[in-house]
Amino acid sequence: MEATGLVEKIQELTDLELAVLVSLVASQHCIIQTEEGSLDSLEQELRLVASNVFGLSHAVVHCNESTTLEDFNTGILVDGHPGRIDHEDSGKDLELDHDSSRRSRSTSPVKYDSGREDRGIANIVIISGLPMASEQTQIQALELLRTRRIFTHTGVHAALKTFLLIFLDGVGAPRLVHHLNDHIFISHYHDPEDGFANLEEGSEWIEDDRASLASVVHRKVVPDALFANRPALFLQEEVRSLIDLSQTVTVSAEVKAYLQNLITFLRMHRAVGGGISPRATQHFDLLVRCLAPLHGLEFVTPSLVSLAIRKIYPHRIAITSAENERSMQYGSDLAAVSSILDGFRPEDVIDDVLQQVEAPL
């Protein structure tokens, strides 16, 4: 498909479909949040996005305090061939060149469970409630993210080339363990009022006539089989085309300086207690390059930088406590500092920094 037609196709995607697409283009992983009462709908929507929009296999893992490593390992496996593409690559080094620190890592041939040779890791794994699970389970998720393989008591399962972890949680949920959180590429908040396009398309919506002004809406769960024979809306060849385009994007010296200034101001902001890591900087640079071809551009603009910063840092920035705010070292009043920091969110920090740093023309 020509670049113009591809951009037009991208513009028709929903916010959730775009979040998945950007993660696939970057070969990275993401956090998607929504209101607590909409988590079930969001999960079903993402399942339909995986199968109906991108034509990829998916698995869903629900975690809680009692989730064991075996529960997690078996939960990410699916029966049959996991995905419609790249089966021949499952025993090779499957990393893209986006992350040079992992370029040299090779993988040994996959040894599958002798009793279930048709089982493998799904292309897209949706993990909900992981912050409630034990630290060992979260570290297992980190290992899966880094090495793209999972060890069971009977063998090793390696992920295919197209592989994405989506961490699903409600707003205000506890954060993941530090290292796992830092390895996650972007975070995205989906407003339930924006709807669930794929879910609404495949569901029967029935209004309760007896309800008052706030009518109760009953939704039938959409079975994956409903879309089993439907062709994918976004082909993997188109994703590969975007990957190739992202690797040819240019960043001018002025835009690069703007990006670095934003990082410096984030790190020095009085409300920031951590989270502005070197890996976040790498992801920031990667995201602006991936966003350019999605907008039909061959270069990065300041507006793409300001868009990217709102996706890279919200799940990373740690708001400092009043006692540890740096001006306290010079005799600031604790009550005054507490009042300033009260209610400060990572999004507020990003807004402050974007206002303070002048964008190049």
Protein backbone atom coordinates (compact mmCIF):
# COMPACT_ATOMS: atom_id res chain seq x y z
CA MET A 1 0.00 0.00 0.00
CA GLU A 2 1.19 3.53 -0.81
CA ALA A 3 2.21 5.76 2.09
CA THR A 4 -0.76 8.09 1.58
CA GLY A 5 -3.26 5.24 1.66
CA LEU A 6 -1.59 3.80 4.75
CA VAL A 7 -1.83 7.12 6.60
CA GLU A 8 -5.51 7.41 5.71
CA LYS A 9 -6.07 3.90 7.04
CA ILE A 10 -4.25 4.78 10.28
CA GLN A 11 -6.39 7.88 10.77
CA GLU A 12 -9.47 5.67 10.91
CA LEU A 13 -8.13 3.64 13.85
CA THR A 14 -9.40 4.17 17.40
CA ASP A 15 -7.12 5.27 20.23
CA LEU A 16 -6.75 1.69 21.48
CA GLU A 17 -5.95 0.38 18.01
CA LEU A 18 -3.35 3.14 17.62
CA ALA A 19 -1.76 2.26 20.97
CA VAL A 20 -1.43 -1.37 19.86
CA LEU A 21 -0.13 -0.34 16.43
CA VAL A 22 2.55 1.98 17.86
CA SER A 23 3.70 -0.77 20.22
CA LEU A 24 3.90 -3.29 17.36
CA VAL A 25 5.86 -0.84 15.19
CA ALA A 26 8.29 -0.17 18.04
CA SER A 27 8.43 -3.86 19.03
CA GLN A 28 7.81 -2.75 22.61
CA HIS A 29 5.13 -3.21 25.27
CA CYS A 30 2.50 -0.98 26.83
CA ILE A 31 0.23 -0.20 29.77
CA ILE A 32 -3.42 0.61 29.08
CA GLN A 33 -5.57 2.03 31.86
CA THR A 34 -9.24 2.87 32.23
CA GLU A 35 -11.77 3.35 35.00
CA GLU A 36 -12.18 0.37 37.29
CA GLY A 37 -15.75 -0.32 36.20
CA SER A 38 -14.77 -0.53 32.51
CA LEU A 39 -11.91 -3.02 32.79
CA ASP A 40 -13.96 -5.97 31.55
CA SER A 41 -15.12 -4.04 28.49
CA LEU A 42 -11.59 -2.85 27.81
CA GLU A 43 -10.27 -6.40 28.01
CA GLN A 44 -12.86 -7.65 25.53
CA GLU A 45 -12.15 -4.71 23.21
CA LEU A 46 -8.42 -5.47 23.21
CA ARG A 47 -9.11 -9.12 22.41
CA LEU A 48 -11.12 -8.01 19.40
CA VAL A 49 -8.43 -5.52 18.39
CA ALA A 50 -5.87 -8.34 18.43
CA SER A 51 -7.93 -10.78 16.37
CA ASN A 52 -10.19 -8.59 14.27
CA VAL A 53 -7.95 -5.59 13.50
CA PHE A 54 -4.47 -7.14 13.41
CA GLY A 55 -5.25 -10.82 12.85
CA LEU A 56 -3.05 -11.97 15.74
CA SER A 57 -3.50 -14.65 18.36
CA HIS A 58 -4.02 -13.50 21.93
CA ALA A 59 -4.11 -14.77 25.48
CA VAL A 60 -5.52 -13.18 28.63
CA VAL A 61 -3.99 -13.65 32.08
CA HIS A 62 -5.89 -12.47 35.17
CA CYS A 63 -3.55 -11.98 38.11
CA ASN A 64 -4.23 -11.63 41.81
CA GLU A 65 -2.49 -12.26 45.13
CA SER A 66 -2.68 -16.03 44.69
CA THR A 67 -1.35 -16.19 41.11
CA THR A 68 1.58 -18.60 40.90
CA LEU A 69 4.42 -18.74 38.40
CA GLU A 70 2.85 -21.83 36.85
CA ASP A 71 -0.48 -20.03 36.51
CA PHE A 72 1.26 -17.17 34.72
CA ASN A 73 3.36 -19.41 32.46
CA THR A 74 0.47 -21.54 31.29
CA GLY A 75 -1.86 -18.54 30.96
CA ILE A 76 0.16 -16.95 28.15
CA LEU A 77 0.12 -20.11 25.99
CA VAL A 78 -2.47 -20.79 23.31
CA ASP A 79 -3.38 -23.97 21.48
CA GLY A 80 -2.60 -24.34 17.80
CA HIS A 81 -0.14 -22.22 15.89
CA PRO A 82 0.27 -18.96 17.82
CA GLY A 83 -0.38 -16.37 15.16
CA ARG A 84 -0.70 -16.35 11.40
CA ILE A 85 2.84 -15.30 10.55
CA ASP A 86 6.51 -15.78 11.34
CA HIS A 87 6.35 -19.44 12.39
CA GLU A 88 9.65 -20.05 10.67
CA ASP A 89 11.34 -17.45 12.89
CA SER A 90 10.39 -18.91 16.26
CA GLY A 91 13.82 -20.44 16.88
CA LYS A 92 15.89 -17.50 15.69
CA ASP A 93 16.93 -14.18 17.11
CA LEU A 94 13.66 -12.28 16.74
CA GLU A 95 14.64 -8.85 18.01
CA LEU A 96 14.29 -5.80 15.80
CA ASP A 97 17.10 -3.29 15.66
CA HIS A 98 15.20 -0.76 17.75
CA ASP A 99 17.03 -1.84 20.91
CA SER A 100 20.70 -2.23 20.18
CA SER A 101 21.47 -3.43 23.68
CA ARG A 102 19.58 -6.65 22.90
CA ARG A 103 20.79 -7.08 19.34
CA SER A 104 23.50 -9.53 20.27
CA ARG A 105 21.22 -11.82 22.25
CA SER A 106 20.54 -15.05 20.38
CA THR A 107 18.06 -17.72 21.26
CA SER A 108 18.53 -21.44 21.27
CA PRO A 109 16.13 -23.73 19.36
CA VAL A 110 12.76 -23.98 21.03
CA LYS A 111 12.03 -27.16 22.95
CA TYR A 112 8.28 -27.51 23.35
CA ASP A 113 6.37 -29.59 25.81
CA SER A 114 6.46 -33.09 24.31
CA GLY A 115 2.81 -33.61 25.18
CA ARG A 116 1.56 -30.34 23.73
CA GLU A 117 3.70 -29.50 20.72
CA ASP A 118 0.97 -27.26 19.32
CA ARG A 119 1.09 -24.83 22.23
CA GLY A 120 3.01 -21.58 22.09
CA ILE A 121 3.12 -18.00 23.33
CA ALA A 122 0.37 -15.86 21.85
CA ASN A 123 1.25 -12.88 19.66
CA ILE A 124 -0.51 -10.52 22.07
CA VAL A 125 -0.73 -11.28 25.78
CA ILE A 126 -3.14 -9.17 27.83
CA ILE A 127 -2.21 -9.20 31.52
CA SER A 128 -4.63 -7.68 34.03
CA GLY A 129 -4.11 -7.11 37.73
CA LEU A 130 -0.37 -7.82 37.68
CA PRO A 131 0.45 -5.25 40.42
CA MET A 132 -1.58 -7.40 42.83
CA ALA A 133 0.54 -10.48 42.06
CA SER A 134 3.70 -11.41 43.92
CA GLU A 135 7.04 -9.85 43.10
CA GLN A 136 8.23 -13.19 41.70
CA THR A 137 5.35 -13.23 39.20
CA GLN A 138 6.14 -9.67 38.14
CA ILE A 139 9.79 -10.57 37.70
CA GLN A 140 8.70 -13.50 35.54
CA ALA A 141 6.81 -11.01 33.37
CA LEU A 142 9.99 -8.92 33.15
CA GLU A 143 11.97 -11.95 32.01
CA LEU A 144 9.36 -12.71 29.37
CA LEU A 145 9.54 -9.09 28.20
CA ARG A 146 13.35 -9.07 28.03
CA THR A 147 14.14 -12.54 26.71
CA ARG A 148 10.93 -13.28 24.76
CA ARG A 149 10.80 -16.82 26.10
CA ILE A 150 9.21 -18.64 29.01
CA PHE A 151 10.47 -21.69 30.87
CA THR A 152 8.05 -24.33 32.08
CA HIS A 153 8.81 -27.51 33.98
CA THR A 154 8.77 -29.47 30.71
CA GLY A 155 10.42 -27.17 28.19
CA VAL A 156 10.94 -23.71 26.75
CA HIS A 157 8.48 -21.63 24.74
CA ALA A 158 9.83 -18.78 22.60
CA ALA A 159 7.77 -15.85 21.37
CA LEU A 160 7.32 -15.18 17.70
CA LYS A 161 8.61 -12.08 15.95
CA THR A 162 5.30 -10.29 16.41
CA PHE A 163 4.94 -10.22 20.18
CA LEU A 164 3.28 -7.69 22.47
CA LEU A 165 2.52 -7.58 26.20
CA ILE A 166 -0.36 -5.31 27.22
CA PHE A 167 -0.59 -4.59 30.95
CA LEU A 168 -4.17 -3.73 31.79
CA ASP A 169 -5.13 -1.91 34.99
CA GLY A 170 -7.55 0.53 36.53
CA VAL A 171 -6.72 4.14 37.28
CA GLY A 172 -5.03 4.50 40.66
CA ALA A 173 -3.82 0.90 40.79
CA PRO A 174 -0.42 0.26 42.42
CA ARG A 175 2.60 0.45 40.16
CA LEU A 176 4.51 -2.55 38.90
CA VAL A 177 7.92 -3.37 40.33
CA HIS A 178 10.47 -0.73 39.34
CA HIS A 179 12.48 -2.56 36.69
CA LEU A 180 9.41 -3.97 34.94
CA ASN A 181 7.73 -0.58 34.98
CA ASP A 182 10.81 1.06 33.45
CA HIS A 183 10.95 -1.53 30.63
CA ILE A 184 7.39 -0.78 29.52
CA PHE A 185 7.36 1.47 26.47
CA ILE A 186 4.25 3.63 26.76
CA SER A 187 1.14 4.07 28.88
CA HIS A 188 -2.28 5.08 27.58
CA TYR A 189 -5.51 6.03 29.31
CA HIS A 190 -8.76 5.09 27.58
CA ASP A 191 -11.79 7.14 28.57
CA PRO A 192 -14.84 4.84 28.76
CA GLU A 193 -16.92 7.66 27.26
CA ASP A 194 -14.92 7.22 24.04
CA GLY A 195 -16.58 3.84 23.71
CA PHE A 196 -15.38 0.41 22.61
CA ALA A 197 -15.83 0.38 18.85
CA ASN A 198 -15.17 -3.29 18.10
CA LEU A 199 -17.12 -4.50 21.11
CA GLU A 200 -20.12 -2.35 20.26
CA GLU A 201 -20.03 -3.52 16.65
CA GLY A 202 -20.22 -7.17 17.60
CA SER A 203 -22.54 -6.92 20.60
CA GLU A 204 -26.26 -6.57 21.02
CA TRP A 205 -27.07 -3.51 23.09
CA ILE A 206 -30.43 -3.57 24.83
CA GLU A 207 -31.81 -0.65 26.82
CA ASP A 208 -33.86 -1.45 29.86
CA ASP A 209 -37.20 0.36 29.35
CA ARG A 210 -37.88 0.30 33.04
CA ALA A 211 -34.74 2.24 33.91
CA SER A 212 -34.90 5.92 34.72
CA LEU A 213 -32.92 8.67 33.01
CA ALA A 214 -29.71 6.70 33.55
CA SER A 215 -30.80 3.65 31.55
CA VAL A 216 -29.05 0.40 32.29
CA VAL A 217 -27.30 -1.09 29.28
CA HIS A 218 -26.92 -4.85 29.09
CA ARG A 219 -24.06 -6.21 27.00
CA LYS A 220 -23.57 -9.69 25.69
CA VAL A 221 -20.03 -10.96 25.75
CA VAL A 222 -18.64 -11.21 22.23
CA PRO A 223 -17.09 -14.65 21.52
CA ASP A 224 -13.79 -14.59 19.64
CA ALA A 225 -15.23 -17.14 17.22
CA LEU A 226 -17.56 -14.45 15.90
CA PHE A 227 -14.61 -12.87 14.09
CA ALA A 228 -12.60 -16.03 13.47
CA ASN A 229 -13.02 -16.00 9.70
CA ARG A 230 -12.96 -12.25 9.21
CA PRO A 231 -9.81 -10.93 7.47
CA ALA A 232 -7.59 -8.61 9.49
CA LEU A 233 -8.15 -4.91 8.88
CA PHE A 234 -4.47 -4.09 9.34
CA LEU A 235 -2.09 -6.50 7.62
CA GLN A 236 1.27 -7.46 9.06
CA GLU A 237 2.93 -6.35 5.82
CA GLU A 238 1.64 -2.85 6.58
CA VAL A 239 3.10 -3.02 10.09
CA ARG A 240 6.45 -4.06 8.61
CA SER A 241 6.23 -1.15 6.18
CA LEU A 242 5.81 1.25 9.09
CA ILE A 243 8.76 -0.35 10.86
CA ASP A 244 10.94 0.21 7.81
CA LEU A 245 9.77 3.82 7.51
CA SER A 246 10.43 4.53 11.20
CA GLN A 247 14.06 3.47 10.77
CA THR A 248 14.60 6.10 8.06
CA VAL A 249 13.06 9.03 9.98
CA THR A 250 15.40 12.01 10.51
CA VAL A 251 15.63 14.17 13.62
CA SER A 252 17.08 17.67 13.19
CA ALA A 253 19.59 19.10 15.65
CA GLU A 254 17.02 21.63 16.89
CA VAL A 255 14.39 18.97 17.58
CA LYS A 256 16.98 16.72 19.24
CA ALA A 257 17.99 19.61 21.51
CA TYR A 258 14.32 20.22 22.32
CA LEU A 259 13.89 16.57 23.28
CA GLN A 260 16.98 16.64 25.49
CA ASN A 261 15.91 19.90 27.14
CA LEU A 262 12.56 18.37 28.03
CA ILE A 263 14.32 15.43 29.66
CA THR A 264 16.59 17.77 31.64
CA PHE A 265 13.67 19.88 32.87
CA LEU A 266 11.77 16.73 33.85
CA ARG A 267 14.71 15.47 35.85
CA MET A 268 15.14 18.84 37.62
CA HIS A 269 11.46 19.47 38.36
CA ARG A 270 10.90 19.98 42.06
CA ALA A 271 8.04 17.46 42.20
CA VAL A 272 9.98 14.62 40.55
CA GLY A 273 11.53 12.03 42.81
CA GLY A 274 12.64 9.61 40.08
CA GLY A 275 11.66 7.80 36.92
CA ILE A 276 13.59 9.83 34.34
CA SER A 277 15.82 6.89 33.46
CA PRO A 278 18.20 6.25 30.55
CA ARG A 279 15.81 3.60 29.23
CA ALA A 280 13.01 6.15 29.25
CA THR A 281 15.22 8.43 27.14
CA GLN A 282 15.79 5.60 24.65
CA HIS A 283 12.06 4.94 24.49
CA PHE A 284 11.36 8.66 24.05
CA ASP A 285 13.66 8.82 21.03
CA LEU A 286 12.19 5.60 19.62
CA LEU A 287 8.59 6.75 19.99
CA VAL A 288 9.06 10.04 18.14
CA ARG A 289 10.59 8.11 15.24
CA CYS A 290 7.68 5.63 15.22
CA LEU A 291 5.07 8.40 15.32
CA ALA A 292 6.43 10.20 12.25
CA PRO A 293 5.39 7.63 9.58
CA LEU A 294 1.98 7.29 11.25
CA HIS A 295 1.48 10.97 10.39
CA GLY A 296 2.93 10.62 6.89
CA LEU A 297 6.18 12.39 7.83
CA GLU A 298 9.81 11.55 7.14
CA PHE A 299 11.08 13.76 9.96
CA VAL A 300 10.22 14.50 13.59
CA THR A 301 8.38 17.71 14.47
CA PRO A 302 8.16 19.42 17.90
CA SER A 303 4.47 18.49 18.08
CA LEU A 304 5.36 14.80 17.83
CA VAL A 305 7.85 15.28 20.68
CA SER A 306 5.18 16.88 22.88
CA LEU A 307 2.83 14.01 22.02
CA ALA A 308 5.45 11.36 22.78
CA ILE A 309 6.41 12.78 26.17
CA ARG A 310 2.80 12.32 27.36
CA LYS A 311 3.00 8.59 26.58
CA ILE A 312 6.53 7.79 27.76
CA TYR A 313 6.65 9.35 31.23
CA PRO A 314 3.28 9.23 33.08
CA HIS A 315 3.78 5.65 34.30
CA ARG A 316 7.43 6.33 35.14
CA ILE A 317 7.49 9.65 37.01
CA ALA A 318 7.54 9.24 40.79
CA ILE A 319 6.27 12.26 42.72
CA THR A 320 8.60 13.08 45.60
CA SER A 321 7.43 13.45 49.17
CA ALA A 322 7.50 16.88 50.79
CA GLU A 323 10.27 15.76 53.15
CA ASN A 324 12.52 14.82 50.22
CA GLU A 325 11.75 17.85 48.01
CA ARG A 326 15.12 19.43 47.22
CA SER A 327 14.33 22.92 48.55
CA MET A 328 13.98 21.41 52.03
CA GLN A 329 17.78 21.22 52.07
CA TYR A 330 17.85 25.02 52.10
CA GLY A 331 15.35 25.64 54.87
CA SER A 332 11.98 25.63 53.10
CA ASP A 333 8.90 25.32 55.26
CA LEU A 334 7.54 21.77 55.26
CA ALA A 335 3.91 22.89 55.34
CA ALA A 336 4.45 25.23 52.39
CA VAL A 337 6.16 22.52 50.34
CA SER A 338 3.43 20.03 51.24
CA SER A 339 0.75 22.42 50.00
CA ILE A 340 2.60 22.89 46.70
CA LEU A 341 3.03 19.16 46.09
CA ASP A 342 -0.45 18.22 47.29
CA GLY A 343 -2.35 16.65 44.39
CA PHE A 344 0.59 16.90 41.99
CA ARG A 345 0.42 14.18 39.33
CA PRO A 346 2.92 13.06 36.67
CA GLU A 347 0.68 14.66 34.03
CA ASP A 348 0.99 18.00 35.87
CA VAL A 349 4.78 17.71 35.80
CA ILE A 350 4.74 17.10 32.04
CA ASP A 351 2.43 20.07 31.45
CA ASP A 352 4.74 22.30 33.51
CA VAL A 353 7.81 21.22 31.57
CA LEU A 354 6.15 21.68 28.18
CA GLN A 355 5.27 25.24 29.17
CA GLN A 356 8.78 26.00 30.42
CA VAL A 357 10.75 24.63 27.46
CA GLU A 358 10.48 26.63 24.24
CA ALA A 359 9.79 24.54 21.17
CA PRO A 360 11.86 25.20 18.03
CA LEU A 361 10.10 26.87 15.12
